[in-house]
Amino acid sequence: MSEELETPASIDFTISFDKDAIIVDTQNLSGQGTRVVNNPNSNDIVIQSTPGQNVDKSQSIIILPFTGDNTDILLSEAVAKLSNGETKDLSIGSLNEITSHSNQ
């Protein structure tokens, strides 16, 4: 997350995947702050993250383990909800090594 962005009140991450080929392990979702998963049995889940004021913006906000025949899931959208009630669509850029996945 950009150091220039104020720490959001919450961030909604939309994750897309083929639920017939991927098992998303929402029970072991981790990261900074608190997290709630919505629509856990669909092809698109929404993770609402509340990062807190001491968030380290250079580290992952959420870490979502998954397994399956495919090696990919897609972070299709991230929307920050700011403390003043405004929303800001976050750009999704290069992912770091921790996002690597192997089905082996």
C-alpha atoms as a PDB file:
ATOM      1  CA  MET A   1       0.000   0.000   0.000  1.00  0.00           C
ATOM      2  CA  SER A   2       1.312   3.439  -0.826  1.00  0.00           C
ATOM      3  CA  GLU A   3       2.864   5.338   2.066  1.00  0.00           C
ATOM      4  CA  GLU A   4       1.057   8.421   0.737  1.00  0.00           C
ATOM      5  CA  LEU A   5      -2.414   6.903   1.194  1.00  0.00           C
ATOM      6  CA  GLU A   6      -3.957   7.557   4.589  1.00  0.00           C
ATOM      7  CA  THR A   7      -4.546   4.317   6.445  1.00  0.00           C
ATOM      8  CA  PRO A   8      -8.044   3.290   5.355  1.00  0.00           C
ATOM      9  CA  ALA A   9     -10.800   2.426   7.803  1.00  0.00           C
ATOM     10  CA  SER A  10     -11.161  -0.800   5.802  1.00  0.00           C
ATOM     11  CA  ILE A  11     -10.233  -2.378   2.479  1.00  0.00           C
ATOM     12  CA  ASP A  12     -12.452  -4.740   0.483  1.00  0.00           C
ATOM     13  CA  PHE A  13     -10.453  -7.255  -1.553  1.00  0.00           C
ATOM     14  CA  THR A  14     -12.366  -9.202  -4.229  1.00  0.00           C
ATOM     15  CA  ILE A  15     -10.714 -12.541  -5.032  1.00  0.00           C
ATOM     16  CA  SER A  16     -11.831 -14.513  -8.105  1.00  0.00           C
ATOM     17  CA  PHE A  17     -11.115 -18.197  -8.702  1.00  0.00           C
ATOM     18  CA  ASP A  18     -12.635 -21.402 -10.059  1.00  0.00           C
ATOM     19  CA  LYS A  19     -14.221 -23.001  -6.974  1.00  0.00           C
ATOM     20  CA  ASP A  20     -14.310 -26.392  -8.751  1.00  0.00           C
ATOM     21  CA  ALA A  21     -10.506 -26.372  -9.162  1.00  0.00           C
ATOM     22  CA  ILE A  22      -9.316 -24.270  -6.214  1.00  0.00           C
ATOM     23  CA  ILE A  23      -9.815 -24.688  -2.478  1.00  0.00           C
ATOM     24  CA  VAL A  24      -9.399 -21.367  -0.685  1.00  0.00           C
ATOM     25  CA  ASP A  25      -8.438 -21.835   2.965  1.00  0.00           C
ATOM     26  CA  THR A  26     -10.350 -18.965   4.576  1.00  0.00           C
ATOM     27  CA  GLN A  27      -9.842 -20.507   8.034  1.00  0.00           C
ATOM     28  CA  ASN A  28      -6.127 -19.729   7.779  1.00  0.00           C
ATOM     29  CA  LEU A  29      -6.456 -16.255   6.278  1.00  0.00           C
ATOM     30  CA  SER A  30      -3.880 -14.012   7.927  1.00  0.00           C
ATOM     31  CA  GLY A  31      -2.359 -10.570   7.614  1.00  0.00           C
ATOM     32  CA  GLN A  32      -2.438  -7.258   9.412  1.00  0.00           C
ATOM     33  CA  GLY A  33      -5.470  -6.138  11.392  1.00  0.00           C
ATOM     34  CA  THR A  34      -8.756  -8.029  11.343  1.00  0.00           C
ATOM     35  CA  ARG A  35     -10.450  -9.773   8.413  1.00  0.00           C
ATOM     36  CA  VAL A  36     -13.945 -10.973   7.520  1.00  0.00           C
ATOM     37  CA  VAL A  37     -14.711 -13.232   4.529  1.00  0.00           C
ATOM     38  CA  ASN A  38     -17.992 -12.837   2.627  1.00  0.00           C
ATOM     39  CA  ASN A  39     -19.415 -15.355   0.102  1.00  0.00           C
ATOM     40  CA  PRO A  40     -16.916 -18.101   1.061  1.00  0.00           C
ATOM     41  CA  ASN A  41     -18.553 -20.700  -1.214  1.00  0.00           C
ATOM     42  CA  SER A  42     -18.707 -18.717  -4.457  1.00  0.00           C
ATOM     43  CA  ASN A  43     -16.262 -18.052  -7.323  1.00  0.00           C
ATOM     44  CA  ASP A  44     -15.766 -14.500  -6.035  1.00  0.00           C
ATOM     45  CA  ILE A  45     -15.132 -13.910  -2.357  1.00  0.00           C
ATOM     46  CA  VAL A  46     -14.786 -10.543  -0.670  1.00  0.00           C
ATOM     47  CA  ILE A  47     -12.357 -10.122   2.192  1.00  0.00           C
ATOM     48  CA  GLN A  48     -13.014  -7.039   4.282  1.00  0.00           C
ATOM     49  CA  SER A  49      -9.812  -6.072   6.055  1.00  0.00           C
ATOM     50  CA  THR A  50      -9.549  -3.526   8.858  1.00  0.00           C
ATOM     51  CA  PRO A  51      -5.825  -2.767   8.966  1.00  0.00           C
ATOM     52  CA  GLY A  52      -5.631  -0.596  12.098  1.00  0.00           C
ATOM     53  CA  GLN A  53      -3.486   2.497  12.571  1.00  0.00           C
ATOM     54  CA  ASN A  54      -0.130   0.719  12.993  1.00  0.00           C
ATOM     55  CA  VAL A  55      -0.213  -1.000   9.615  1.00  0.00           C
ATOM     56  CA  ASP A  56       3.157  -1.607   7.945  1.00  0.00           C
ATOM     57  CA  LYS A  57       2.400  -0.451   4.400  1.00  0.00           C
ATOM     58  CA  SER A  58       5.463  -2.268   3.032  1.00  0.00           C
ATOM     59  CA  GLN A  59       4.071  -5.667   4.107  1.00  0.00           C
ATOM     60  CA  SER A  60       1.108  -7.768   2.966  1.00  0.00           C
ATOM     61  CA  ILE A  61      -2.282  -6.702   4.282  1.00  0.00           C
ATOM     62  CA  ILE A  62      -3.832 -10.129   3.658  1.00  0.00           C
ATOM     63  CA  ILE A  63      -2.354 -13.571   3.043  1.00  0.00           C
ATOM     64  CA  LEU A  64      -4.815 -16.124   1.661  1.00  0.00           C
ATOM     65  CA  PRO A  65      -3.631 -19.746   1.388  1.00  0.00           C
ATOM     66  CA  PHE A  66      -5.147 -21.962  -1.309  1.00  0.00           C
ATOM     67  CA  THR A  67      -4.583 -25.318  -3.002  1.00  0.00           C
ATOM     68  CA  GLY A  68      -5.867 -27.018  -6.099  1.00  0.00           C
ATOM     69  CA  ASP A  69      -5.273 -28.098  -9.655  1.00  0.00           C
ATOM     70  CA  ASN A  70      -4.857 -24.517 -10.845  1.00  0.00           C
ATOM     71  CA  THR A  71      -2.017 -22.411  -9.525  1.00  0.00           C
ATOM     72  CA  ASP A  72      -3.779 -19.068  -9.867  1.00  0.00           C
ATOM     73  CA  ILE A  73      -6.348 -16.941  -8.118  1.00  0.00           C
ATOM     74  CA  LEU A  74      -7.000 -13.345  -9.073  1.00  0.00           C
ATOM     75  CA  LEU A  75      -7.109 -10.297  -6.859  1.00  0.00           C
ATOM     76  CA  SER A  76      -9.632  -8.612  -9.112  1.00  0.00           C
ATOM     77  CA  GLU A  77     -10.448  -5.521  -7.069  1.00  0.00           C
ATOM     78  CA  ALA A  78      -9.329  -3.647  -3.968  1.00  0.00           C
ATOM     79  CA  VAL A  79     -11.366  -0.721  -2.629  1.00  0.00           C
ATOM     80  CA  ALA A  80     -10.233   1.382   0.323  1.00  0.00           C
ATOM     81  CA  LYS A  81     -12.890   2.949   2.517  1.00  0.00           C
ATOM     82  CA  LEU A  82     -11.421   6.097   4.065  1.00  0.00           C
ATOM     83  CA  SER A  83     -12.310   7.473   7.481  1.00  0.00           C
ATOM     84  CA  ASN A  84     -14.247  10.384   5.903  1.00  0.00           C
ATOM     85  CA  GLY A  85     -16.584   7.914   4.137  1.00  0.00           C
ATOM     86  CA  GLU A  86     -15.007   8.233   0.696  1.00  0.00           C
ATOM     87  CA  THR A  87     -13.902   5.187  -1.263  1.00  0.00           C
ATOM     88  CA  LYS A  88     -10.773   4.845  -3.366  1.00  0.00           C
ATOM     89  CA  ASP A  89     -10.115   2.123  -5.933  1.00  0.00           C
ATOM     90  CA  LEU A  90      -6.614   0.820  -5.315  1.00  0.00           C
ATOM     91  CA  SER A  91      -4.408  -0.102  -8.236  1.00  0.00           C
ATOM     92  CA  ILE A  92      -3.123  -3.644  -8.287  1.00  0.00           C
ATOM     93  CA  GLY A  93       0.511  -3.725  -9.334  1.00  0.00           C
ATOM     94  CA  SER A  94       3.334  -6.211  -9.217  1.00  0.00           C
ATOM     95  CA  LEU A  95       3.037  -8.798  -6.504  1.00  0.00           C
ATOM     96  CA  ASN A  96       5.938  -9.738  -4.276  1.00  0.00           C
ATOM     97  CA  GLU A  97       7.484 -13.193  -3.826  1.00  0.00           C
ATOM     98  CA  ILE A  98       5.194 -14.104  -0.942  1.00  0.00           C
ATOM     99  CA  THR A  99       2.319 -14.255  -3.447  1.00  0.00           C
ATOM    100  CA  SER A 100       3.992 -17.110  -5.297  1.00  0.00           C
ATOM    101  CA  HIS A 101       2.028 -20.336  -5.229  1.00  0.00           C
ATOM    102  CA  SER A 102       2.784 -23.894  -6.125  1.00  0.00           C
ATOM    103  CA  ASN A 103       0.374 -26.812  -6.127  1.00  0.00           C
ATOM    104  CA  GLN A 104       3.222 -29.193  -5.283  1.00  0.00           C
END
